[in-house]
Structure formats: structure tokens, C-alpha cells
PDB file of all heavy atoms in Angstrom:
ATOM      1  N   ILE A   1     -26.762  44.863  39.156  1.00  0.00           N
ATOM      2  CA  ILE A   1     -25.561  44.658  39.956  1.00  0.00           C
ATOM      3  C   ILE A   1     -25.361  45.876  40.843  1.00  0.00           C
ATOM      4  O   ILE A   1     -25.420  47.006  40.388  1.00  0.00           O
ATOM      5  CB  ILE A   1     -24.315  44.439  39.073  1.00  0.00           C
ATOM      6  CG1 ILE A   1     -24.534  43.251  38.138  1.00  0.00           C
ATOM      7  CG2 ILE A   1     -23.076  44.217  39.942  1.00  0.00           C
ATOM      8  CD1 ILE A   1     -23.429  43.057  37.125  1.00  0.00           C
ATOM      9  N   VAL A   2     -25.121  45.613  42.100  1.00  0.00           N
ATOM     10  CA  VAL A   2     -24.864  46.695  43.050  1.00  0.00           C
ATOM     11  C   VAL A   2     -23.539  46.424  43.742  1.00  0.00           C
ATOM     12  O   VAL A   2     -23.225  45.286  44.064  1.00  0.00           O
ATOM     13  CB  VAL A   2     -26.007  46.827  44.087  1.00  0.00           C
ATOM     14  CG1 VAL A   2     -26.231  45.540  44.844  1.00  0.00           C
ATOM     15  CG2 VAL A   2     -25.747  47.957  45.058  1.00  0.00           C
ATOM     16  N   GLN A   3     -22.754  47.461  43.896  1.00  0.00           N
ATOM     17  CA  GLN A   3     -21.531  47.361  44.681  1.00  0.00           C
ATOM     18  C   GLN A   3     -21.579  48.448  45.755  1.00  0.00           C
ATOM     19  O   GLN A   3     -21.533  49.627  45.445  1.00  0.00           O
ATOM     20  CB  GLN A   3     -20.289  47.536  43.820  1.00  0.00           C
ATOM     21  CG  GLN A   3     -18.994  47.484  44.649  1.00  0.00           C
ATOM     22  CD  GLN A   3     -17.785  47.331  43.783  1.00  0.00           C
ATOM     23  OE1 GLN A   3     -17.495  46.242  43.318  1.00  0.00           O
ATOM     24  NE2 GLN A   3     -17.069  48.416  43.559  1.00  0.00           N
ATOM     25  N   PRO A   4     -21.690  48.048  47.011  1.00  0.00           N
ATOM     26  CA  PRO A   4     -21.728  49.043  48.087  1.00  0.00           C
ATOM     27  C   PRO A   4     -20.337  49.613  48.358  1.00  0.00           C
ATOM     28  O   PRO A   4     -19.328  49.022  47.991  1.00  0.00           O
ATOM     29  CB  PRO A   4     -22.239  48.240  49.282  1.00  0.00           C
ATOM     30  CG  PRO A   4     -21.825  46.837  48.995  1.00  0.00           C
ATOM     31  CD  PRO A   4     -21.852  46.687  47.499  1.00  0.00           C
ATOM     32  N   SER A   5     -20.307  50.748  49.004  1.00  0.00           N
ATOM     33  CA  SER A   5     -19.035  51.422  49.304  1.00  0.00           C
ATOM     34  C   SER A   5     -18.128  50.553  50.174  1.00  0.00           C
ATOM     35  O   SER A   5     -16.911  50.709  50.142  1.00  0.00           O
ATOM     36  CB  SER A   5     -19.293  52.768  49.976  1.00  0.00           C
ATOM     37  OG  SER A   5     -20.054  52.586  51.155  1.00  0.00           O
ATOM     38  N   SER A   6     -18.670  49.602  50.899  1.00  0.00           N
ATOM     39  CA  SER A   6     -17.858  48.720  51.747  1.00  0.00           C
ATOM     40  C   SER A   6     -17.030  47.727  50.933  1.00  0.00           C
ATOM     41  O   SER A   6     -16.086  47.140  51.450  1.00  0.00           O
ATOM     42  CB  SER A   6     -18.747  47.960  52.730  1.00  0.00           C
ATOM     43  OG  SER A   6     -19.672  47.152  52.020  1.00  0.00           O
ATOM     44  N   VAL A   7     -17.371  47.551  49.636  1.00  0.00           N
ATOM     45  CA  VAL A   7     -16.653  46.609  48.769  1.00  0.00           C
ATOM     46  C   VAL A   7     -15.698  47.343  47.829  1.00  0.00           C
ATOM     47  O   VAL A   7     -14.663  46.828  47.452  1.00  0.00           O
ATOM     48  CB  VAL A   7     -17.648  45.741  47.960  1.00  0.00           C
ATOM     49  CG1 VAL A   7     -16.937  44.863  46.944  1.00  0.00           C
ATOM     50  CG2 VAL A   7     -18.487  44.887  48.899  1.00  0.00           C
ATOM     51  N   GLY A   8     -16.056  48.548  47.440  1.00  0.00           N
ATOM     52  CA  GLY A   8     -15.269  49.330  46.482  1.00  0.00           C
ATOM     53  C   GLY A   8     -16.027  50.585  46.117  1.00  0.00           C
ATOM     54  O   GLY A   8     -16.919  50.997  46.848  1.00  0.00           O
ATOM     55  N   SER A   9     -15.696  51.169  44.969  1.00  0.00           N
ATOM     56  CA  SER A   9     -16.437  52.345  44.511  1.00  0.00           C
ATOM     57  C   SER A   9     -17.891  51.947  44.295  1.00  0.00           C
ATOM     58  O   SER A   9     -18.165  51.009  43.544  1.00  0.00           O
ATOM     59  CB  SER A   9     -15.855  52.867  43.200  1.00  0.00           C
ATOM     60  OG  SER A   9     -14.537  53.309  43.407  1.00  0.00           O
ATOM     61  N   PRO A  10     -18.824  52.628  44.957  1.00  0.00           N
ATOM     62  CA  PRO A  10     -20.218  52.191  44.892  1.00  0.00           C
ATOM     63  C   PRO A  10     -20.850  52.433  43.526  1.00  0.00           C
ATOM     64  O   PRO A  10     -20.518  53.400  42.833  1.00  0.00           O
ATOM     65  CB  PRO A  10     -20.902  53.037  45.967  1.00  0.00           C
ATOM     66  CG  PRO A  10     -20.050  54.233  46.126  1.00  0.00           C
ATOM     67  CD  PRO A  10     -18.651  53.806  45.811  1.00  0.00           C
ATOM     68  N   PHE A  11     -21.745  51.523  43.137  1.00  0.00           N
ATOM     69  CA  PHE A  11     -22.538  51.695  41.928  1.00  0.00           C
ATOM     70  C   PHE A  11     -23.774  50.837  42.008  1.00  0.00           C
ATOM     71  O   PHE A  11     -23.851  49.891  42.799  1.00  0.00           O
ATOM     72  CB  PHE A  11     -21.736  51.397  40.658  1.00  0.00           C
ATOM     73  CG  PHE A  11     -21.215  49.984  40.557  1.00  0.00           C
ATOM     74  CD1 PHE A  11     -22.024  48.941  40.153  1.00  0.00           C
ATOM     75  CD2 PHE A  11     -19.884  49.710  40.846  1.00  0.00           C
ATOM     76  CE1 PHE A  11     -21.531  47.647  40.040  1.00  0.00           C
ATOM     77  CE2 PHE A  11     -19.373  48.417  40.738  1.00  0.00           C
ATOM     78  CZ  PHE A  11     -20.206  47.385  40.332  1.00  0.00           C
ATOM     79  N   LEU A  12     -24.735  51.200  41.173  1.00  0.00           N
ATOM     80  CA  LEU A  12     -25.981  50.462  41.013  1.00  0.00           C
ATOM     81  C   LEU A  12     -26.311  50.536  39.534  1.00  0.00           C
ATOM     82  O   LEU A  12     -26.638  51.599  39.018  1.00  0.00           O
ATOM     83  CB  LEU A  12     -27.091  51.090  41.863  1.00  0.00           C
ATOM     84  CG  LEU A  12     -28.483  50.454  41.795  1.00  0.00           C
ATOM     85  CD1 LEU A  12     -28.444  48.985  42.227  1.00  0.00           C
ATOM     86  CD2 LEU A  12     -29.454  51.243  42.675  1.00  0.00           C
ATOM     87  N   ILE A  13     -26.163  49.392  38.832  1.00  0.00           N
ATOM     88  CA  ILE A  13     -26.296  49.371  37.380  1.00  0.00           C
ATOM     89  C   ILE A  13     -27.121  48.184  36.925  1.00  0.00           C
ATOM     90  O   ILE A  13     -27.283  47.204  37.658  1.00  0.00           O
ATOM     91  CB  ILE A  13     -24.916  49.304  36.677  1.00  0.00           C
ATOM     92  CG1 ILE A  13     -24.157  48.028  37.095  1.00  0.00           C
ATOM     93  CG2 ILE A  13     -24.098  50.553  36.959  1.00  0.00           C
ATOM     94  CD1 ILE A  13     -22.846  47.777  36.356  1.00  0.00           C
ATOM     95  N   THR A  14     -27.638  48.287  35.701  1.00  0.00           N
ATOM     96  CA  THR A  14     -28.141  47.103  35.017  1.00  0.00           C
ATOM     97  C   THR A  14     -27.212  46.874  33.833  1.00  0.00           C
ATOM     98  O   THR A  14     -26.658  47.818  33.277  1.00  0.00           O
ATOM     99  CB  THR A  14     -29.601  47.245  34.522  1.00  0.00           C
ATOM    100  OG1 THR A  14     -29.690  48.276  33.562  1.00  0.00           O
ATOM    101  CG2 THR A  14     -30.551  47.496  35.681  1.00  0.00           C
ATOM    102  N   THR A  15     -27.023  45.617  33.501  1.00  0.00           N
ATOM    103  CA  THR A  15     -26.139  45.247  32.408  1.00  0.00           C
ATOM    104  C   THR A  15     -26.864  44.360  31.410  1.00  0.00           C
ATOM    105  O   THR A  15     -27.848  43.696  31.756  1.00  0.00           O
ATOM    106  CB  THR A  15     -24.890  44.489  32.914  1.00  0.00           C
ATOM    107  OG1 THR A  15     -25.302  43.283  33.560  1.00  0.00           O
ATOM    108  CG2 THR A  15     -24.074  45.337  33.861  1.00  0.00           C
ATOM    109  N   SER A  16     -26.368  44.358  30.192  1.00  0.00           N
ATOM    110  CA  SER A  16     -26.777  43.430  29.142  1.00  0.00           C
ATOM    111  C   SER A  16     -25.501  42.790  28.669  1.00  0.00           C
ATOM    112  O   SER A  16     -24.583  43.492  28.261  1.00  0.00           O
ATOM    113  CB  SER A  16     -27.397  44.174  27.967  1.00  0.00           C
ATOM    114  OG  SER A  16     -28.718  44.471  28.216  1.00  0.00           O
ATOM    115  N   GLY A  17     -25.422  41.505  28.724  1.00  0.00           N
ATOM    116  CA  GLY A  17     -24.208  40.834  28.283  1.00  0.00           C
ATOM    117  C   GLY A  17     -23.531  40.149  29.448  1.00  0.00           C
ATOM    118  O   GLY A  17     -24.051  40.085  30.553  1.00  0.00           O
ATOM    119  N   ARG A  18     -22.366  39.642  29.177  1.00  0.00           N
ATOM    120  CA  ARG A  18     -21.663  38.784  30.128  1.00  0.00           C
ATOM    121  C   ARG A  18     -20.815  39.584  31.117  1.00  0.00           C
ATOM    122  O   ARG A  18     -20.031  40.436  30.743  1.00  0.00           O
ATOM    123  CB  ARG A  18     -20.783  37.827  29.342  1.00  0.00           C
ATOM    124  CG  ARG A  18     -20.228  36.712  30.128  1.00  0.00           C
ATOM    125  CD  ARG A  18     -19.494  35.764  29.162  1.00  0.00           C
ATOM    126  NE  ARG A  18     -18.983  34.632  29.857  1.00  0.00           N
ATOM    127  CZ  ARG A  18     -19.652  33.507  30.062  1.00  0.00           C
ATOM    128  NH1 ARG A  18     -20.869  33.387  29.607  1.00  0.00           N
ATOM    129  NH2 ARG A  18     -19.108  32.508  30.706  1.00  0.00           N
ATOM    130  N   VAL A  19     -20.982  39.253  32.391  1.00  0.00           N
ATOM    131  CA  VAL A  19     -20.146  39.819  33.445  1.00  0.00           C
ATOM    132  C   VAL A  19     -19.987  38.740  34.522  1.00  0.00           C
ATOM    133  O   VAL A  19     -20.905  37.978  34.780  1.00  0.00           O
ATOM    134  CB  VAL A  19     -20.748  41.122  34.025  1.00  0.00           C
ATOM    135  CG1 VAL A  19     -22.082  40.870  34.683  1.00  0.00           C
ATOM    136  CG2 VAL A  19     -19.795  41.795  34.983  1.00  0.00           C
ATOM    137  N   GLY A  20     -18.802  38.655  35.099  1.00  0.00           N
ATOM    138  CA  GLY A  20     -18.573  37.631  36.111  1.00  0.00           C
ATOM    139  C   GLY A  20     -17.812  38.183  37.285  1.00  0.00           C
ATOM    140  O   GLY A  20     -17.032  39.126  37.156  1.00  0.00           O
ATOM    141  N   PHE A  21     -18.060  37.608  38.454  1.00  0.00           N
ATOM    142  CA  PHE A  21     -17.351  38.002  39.658  1.00  0.00           C
ATOM    143  C   PHE A  21     -17.573  36.954  40.740  1.00  0.00           C
ATOM    144  O   PHE A  21     -18.486  36.137  40.663  1.00  0.00           O
ATOM    145  CB  PHE A  21     -17.799  39.385  40.149  1.00  0.00           C
ATOM    146  CG  PHE A  21     -19.290  39.516  40.338  1.00  0.00           C
ATOM    147  CD1 PHE A  21     -19.885  39.236  41.554  1.00  0.00           C
ATOM    148  CD2 PHE A  21     -20.085  39.941  39.294  1.00  0.00           C
ATOM    149  CE1 PHE A  21     -21.250  39.361  41.725  1.00  0.00           C
ATOM    150  CE2 PHE A  21     -21.453  40.075  39.456  1.00  0.00           C
ATOM    151  CZ  PHE A  21     -22.032  39.781  40.681  1.00  0.00           C
ATOM    152  N   VAL A  22     -16.727  36.980  41.724  1.00  0.00           N
ATOM    153  CA  VAL A  22     -16.869  36.142  42.902  1.00  0.00           C
ATOM    154  C   VAL A  22     -17.703  36.936  43.904  1.00  0.00           C
ATOM    155  O   VAL A  22     -17.492  38.143  44.083  1.00  0.00           O
ATOM    156  CB  VAL A  22     -15.486  35.779  43.497  1.00  0.00           C
ATOM    157  CG1 VAL A  22     -15.629  35.024  44.803  1.00  0.00           C
ATOM    158  CG2 VAL A  22     -14.684  34.966  42.488  1.00  0.00           C
ATOM    159  N   LEU A  23     -18.653  36.283  44.528  1.00  0.00           N
ATOM    160  CA  LEU A  23     -19.524  36.961  45.473  1.00  0.00           C
ATOM    161  C   LEU A  23     -18.723  37.723  46.519  1.00  0.00           C
ATOM    162  O   LEU A  23     -17.702  37.247  47.012  1.00  0.00           O
ATOM    163  CB  LEU A  23     -20.444  35.959  46.167  1.00  0.00           C
ATOM    164  CG  LEU A  23     -21.388  35.185  45.267  1.00  0.00           C
ATOM    165  CD1 LEU A  23     -22.275  34.279  46.093  1.00  0.00           C
ATOM    166  CD2 LEU A  23     -22.219  36.102  44.414  1.00  0.00           C
ATOM    167  N   ASN A  24     -19.204  38.915  46.836  1.00  0.00           N
ATOM    168  CA  ASN A  24     -18.595  39.795  47.840  1.00  0.00           C
ATOM    169  C   ASN A  24     -17.193  40.264  47.483  1.00  0.00           C
ATOM    170  O   ASN A  24     -16.424  40.639  48.355  1.00  0.00           O
ATOM    171  CB  ASN A  24     -18.618  39.135  49.222  1.00  0.00           C
ATOM    172  CG  ASN A  24     -20.027  38.853  49.668  1.00  0.00           C
ATOM    173  OD1 ASN A  24     -20.896  39.714  49.575  1.00  0.00           O
ATOM    174  ND2 ASN A  24     -20.276  37.637  50.114  1.00  0.00           N
ATOM    175  N   GLN A  25     -16.880  40.216  46.182  1.00  0.00           N
ATOM    176  CA  GLN A  25     -15.609  40.709  45.670  1.00  0.00           C
ATOM    177  C   GLN A  25     -15.896  41.666  44.518  1.00  0.00           C
ATOM    178  O   GLN A  25     -16.912  41.543  43.855  1.00  0.00           O
ATOM    179  CB  GLN A  25     -14.735  39.560  45.152  1.00  0.00           C
ATOM    180  CG  GLN A  25     -14.390  38.528  46.187  1.00  0.00           C
ATOM    181  CD  GLN A  25     -13.488  39.081  47.267  1.00  0.00           C
ATOM    182  OE1 GLN A  25     -12.567  39.839  46.992  1.00  0.00           O
ATOM    183  NE2 GLN A  25     -13.750  38.711  48.505  1.00  0.00           N
ATOM    184  N   PRO A  26     -15.001  42.606  44.234  1.00  0.00           N
ATOM    185  CA  PRO A  26     -15.195  43.481  43.080  1.00  0.00           C
ATOM    186  C   PRO A  26     -15.220  42.664  41.786  1.00  0.00           C
ATOM    187  O   PRO A  26     -14.662  41.575  41.715  1.00  0.00           O
ATOM    188  CB  PRO A  26     -13.968  44.397  43.115  1.00  0.00           C
ATOM    189  CG  PRO A  26     -13.516  44.361  44.536  1.00  0.00           C
ATOM    190  CD  PRO A  26     -13.835  42.972  45.028  1.00  0.00           C
ATOM    191  N   ILE A  27     -15.872  43.218  40.760  1.00  0.00           N
ATOM    192  CA  ILE A  27     -15.922  42.554  39.453  1.00  0.00           C
ATOM    193  C   ILE A  27     -14.500  42.406  38.937  1.00  0.00           C
ATOM    194  O   ILE A  27     -13.740  43.366  38.903  1.00  0.00           O
ATOM    195  CB  ILE A  27     -16.806  43.344  38.479  1.00  0.00           C
ATOM    196  CG1 ILE A  27     -18.260  43.286  38.978  1.00  0.00           C
ATOM    197  CG2 ILE A  27     -16.690  42.799  37.061  1.00  0.00           C
ATOM    198  CD1 ILE A  27     -19.220  44.148  38.203  1.00  0.00           C
ATOM    199  N   ASP A  28     -14.125  41.176  38.579  1.00  0.00           N
ATOM    200  CA  ASP A  28     -12.738  40.893  38.208  1.00  0.00           C
ATOM    201  C   ASP A  28     -12.571  40.398  36.778  1.00  0.00           C
ATOM    202  O   ASP A  28     -11.512  39.936  36.406  1.00  0.00           O
ATOM    203  CB  ASP A  28     -12.133  39.875  39.175  1.00  0.00           C
ATOM    204  CG  ASP A  28     -12.867  38.540  39.167  1.00  0.00           C
ATOM    205  OD1 ASP A  28     -13.948  38.431  38.553  1.00  0.00           O
ATOM    206  OD2 ASP A  28     -12.354  37.590  39.776  1.00  0.00           O
ATOM    207  N   GLN A  29     -13.637  40.471  35.978  1.00  0.00           N
ATOM    208  CA  GLN A  29     -13.547  40.075  34.584  1.00  0.00           C
ATOM    209  C   GLN A  29     -14.040  41.222  33.724  1.00  0.00           C
ATOM    210  O   GLN A  29     -14.895  41.999  34.157  1.00  0.00           O
ATOM    211  CB  GLN A  29     -14.417  38.846  34.305  1.00  0.00           C
ATOM    212  CG  GLN A  29     -13.951  37.592  34.991  1.00  0.00           C
ATOM    213  CD  GLN A  29     -14.846  36.406  34.632  1.00  0.00           C
ATOM    214  OE1 GLN A  29     -15.931  36.544  34.091  1.00  0.00           O
ATOM    215  NE2 GLN A  29     -14.368  35.219  34.951  1.00  0.00           N
ATOM    216  N   PRO A  30     -13.533  41.332  32.491  1.00  0.00           N
ATOM    217  CA  PRO A  30     -14.017  42.396  31.604  1.00  0.00           C
ATOM    218  C   PRO A  30     -15.512  42.228  31.341  1.00  0.00           C
ATOM    219  O   PRO A  30     -16.007  41.109  31.249  1.00  0.00           O
ATOM    220  CB  PRO A  30     -13.222  42.189  30.317  1.00  0.00           C
ATOM    221  CG  PRO A  30     -12.106  41.277  30.666  1.00  0.00           C
ATOM    222  CD  PRO A  30     -12.509  40.506  31.876  1.00  0.00           C
ATOM    223  N   LEU A  31     -16.217  43.337  31.256  1.00  0.00           N
ATOM    224  CA  LEU A  31     -17.628  43.338  30.916  1.00  0.00           C
ATOM    225  C   LEU A  31     -17.746  43.066  29.427  1.00  0.00           C
ATOM    226  O   LEU A  31     -17.213  43.815  28.613  1.00  0.00           O
ATOM    227  CB  LEU A  31     -18.237  44.695  31.266  1.00  0.00           C
ATOM    228  CG  LEU A  31     -19.714  44.882  30.976  1.00  0.00           C
ATOM    229  CD1 LEU A  31     -20.554  43.944  31.835  1.00  0.00           C
ATOM    230  CD2 LEU A  31     -20.120  46.319  31.254  1.00  0.00           C
ATOM    231  N   ARG A  32     -18.375  41.959  29.084  1.00  0.00           N
ATOM    232  CA  ARG A  32     -18.584  41.619  27.678  1.00  0.00           C
ATOM    233  C   ARG A  32     -20.046  41.903  27.380  1.00  0.00           C
ATOM    234  O   ARG A  32     -20.878  41.034  27.468  1.00  0.00           O
ATOM    235  CB  ARG A  32     -18.248  40.157  27.424  1.00  0.00           C
ATOM    236  CG  ARG A  32     -16.776  39.897  27.509  1.00  0.00           C
ATOM    237  CD  ARG A  32     -16.475  38.422  27.290  1.00  0.00           C
ATOM    238  NE  ARG A  32     -15.079  38.159  27.206  1.00  0.00           N
ATOM    239  CZ  ARG A  32     -14.252  38.098  28.235  1.00  0.00           C
ATOM    240  NH1 ARG A  32     -14.701  38.336  29.435  1.00  0.00           N
ATOM    241  NH2 ARG A  32     -12.984  37.825  28.061  1.00  0.00           N
ATOM    242  N   GLY A  33     -20.327  43.113  27.075  1.00  0.00           N
ATOM    243  CA  GLY A  33     -21.684  43.584  26.869  1.00  0.00           C
ATOM    244  C   GLY A  33     -21.648  45.065  27.182  1.00  0.00           C
ATOM    245  O   GLY A  33     -20.684  45.742  26.839  1.00  0.00           O
ATOM    246  N   HIS A  34     -22.640  45.555  27.861  1.00  0.00           N
ATOM    247  CA  HIS A  34     -22.618  46.966  28.201  1.00  0.00           C
ATOM    248  C   HIS A  34     -23.482  47.266  29.420  1.00  0.00           C
ATOM    249  O   HIS A  34     -24.324  46.466  29.808  1.00  0.00           O
ATOM    250  CB  HIS A  34     -23.055  47.807  27.004  1.00  0.00           C
ATOM    251  CG  HIS A  34     -24.495  47.622  26.631  1.00  0.00           C
ATOM    252  ND1 HIS A  34     -24.938  46.593  25.873  1.00  0.00           N
ATOM    253  CD2 HIS A  34     -25.595  48.353  26.941  1.00  0.00           C
ATOM    254  CE1 HIS A  34     -26.246  46.681  25.713  1.00  0.00           C
ATOM    255  NE2 HIS A  34     -26.671  47.737  26.353  1.00  0.00           N
ATOM    256  N   ILE A  35     -23.223  48.413  29.997  1.00  0.00           N
ATOM    257  CA  ILE A  35     -24.064  48.897  31.083  1.00  0.00           C
ATOM    258  C   ILE A  35     -25.306  49.490  30.439  1.00  0.00           C
ATOM    259  O   ILE A  35     -25.207  50.409  29.625  1.00  0.00           O
ATOM    260  CB  ILE A  35     -23.325  49.936  31.938  1.00  0.00           C
ATOM    261  CG1 ILE A  35     -22.133  49.263  32.628  1.00  0.00           C
ATOM    262  CG2 ILE A  35     -24.267  50.579  32.947  1.00  0.00           C
ATOM    263  CD1 ILE A  35     -21.216  50.234  33.342  1.00  0.00           C
ATOM    264  N   SER A  36     -26.453  48.940  30.756  1.00  0.00           N
ATOM    265  CA  SER A  36     -27.709  49.420  30.183  1.00  0.00           C
ATOM    266  C   SER A  36     -28.187  50.678  30.893  1.00  0.00           C
ATOM    267  O   SER A  36     -28.691  51.599  30.260  1.00  0.00           O
ATOM    268  CB  SER A  36     -28.789  48.351  30.292  1.00  0.00           C
ATOM    269  OG  SER A  36     -28.382  47.149  29.699  1.00  0.00           O
ATOM    270  N   HIS A  37     -28.049  50.673  32.220  1.00  0.00           N
ATOM    271  CA  HIS A  37     -28.535  51.802  33.018  1.00  0.00           C
ATOM    272  C   HIS A  37     -27.615  52.035  34.205  1.00  0.00           C
ATOM    273  O   HIS A  37     -27.279  51.096  34.926  1.00  0.00           O
ATOM    274  CB  HIS A  37     -29.946  51.523  33.557  1.00  0.00           C
ATOM    275  CG  HIS A  37     -30.965  51.308  32.490  1.00  0.00           C
ATOM    276  ND1 HIS A  37     -31.604  52.339  31.857  1.00  0.00           N
ATOM    277  CD2 HIS A  37     -31.456  50.170  31.947  1.00  0.00           C
ATOM    278  CE1 HIS A  37     -32.448  51.846  30.960  1.00  0.00           C
ATOM    279  NE2 HIS A  37     -32.368  50.537  30.992  1.00  0.00           N
ATOM    280  N   ASP A  38     -27.231  53.280  34.400  1.00  0.00           N
ATOM    281  CA  ASP A  38     -26.552  53.709  35.631  1.00  0.00           C
ATOM    282  C   ASP A  38     -27.680  54.268  36.496  1.00  0.00           C
ATOM    283  O   ASP A  38     -28.107  55.417  36.333  1.00  0.00           O
ATOM    284  CB  ASP A  38     -25.503  54.771  35.330  1.00  0.00           C
ATOM    285  CG  ASP A  38     -24.810  55.282  36.582  1.00  0.00           C
ATOM    286  OD1 ASP A  38     -25.359  55.123  37.698  1.00  0.00           O
ATOM    287  OD2 ASP A  38     -23.725  55.870  36.451  1.00  0.00           O
ATOM    288  N   ILE A  39     -28.221  53.443  37.362  1.00  0.00           N
ATOM    289  CA  ILE A  39     -29.431  53.775  38.092  1.00  0.00           C
ATOM    290  C   ILE A  39     -29.238  54.999  38.983  1.00  0.00           C
ATOM    291  O   ILE A  39     -30.119  55.867  39.070  1.00  0.00           O
ATOM    292  CB  ILE A  39     -29.931  52.560  38.887  1.00  0.00           C
ATOM    293  CG1 ILE A  39     -30.309  51.438  37.896  1.00  0.00           C
ATOM    294  CG2 ILE A  39     -31.107  52.931  39.778  1.00  0.00           C
ATOM    295  CD1 ILE A  39     -30.611  50.102  38.522  1.00  0.00           C
TER     296      ILE A  39
END
């Protein structure tokens, strides 16, 4: 999952578990799992 600075606080991560969001919007649901890697 990548979030560019144009959408919000930038990040580039891999996750394990459930995460949901609407395309081109910030993640709006709790992460049910974990961030595997902060790339």
C-alpha cells in the first residue's frame, strides 16, 4: 500500500491482514492485522 503526499501523510508499506479503503482516499478502516514492512 502506498499513500503519496498528495493524498495525506506519505507512506509505503506492506501489510498482513485486513485493511480497507476507498480508492484515492486515505485508509478509513482500522487495520486488522499488522504492517509487515515500512519500506
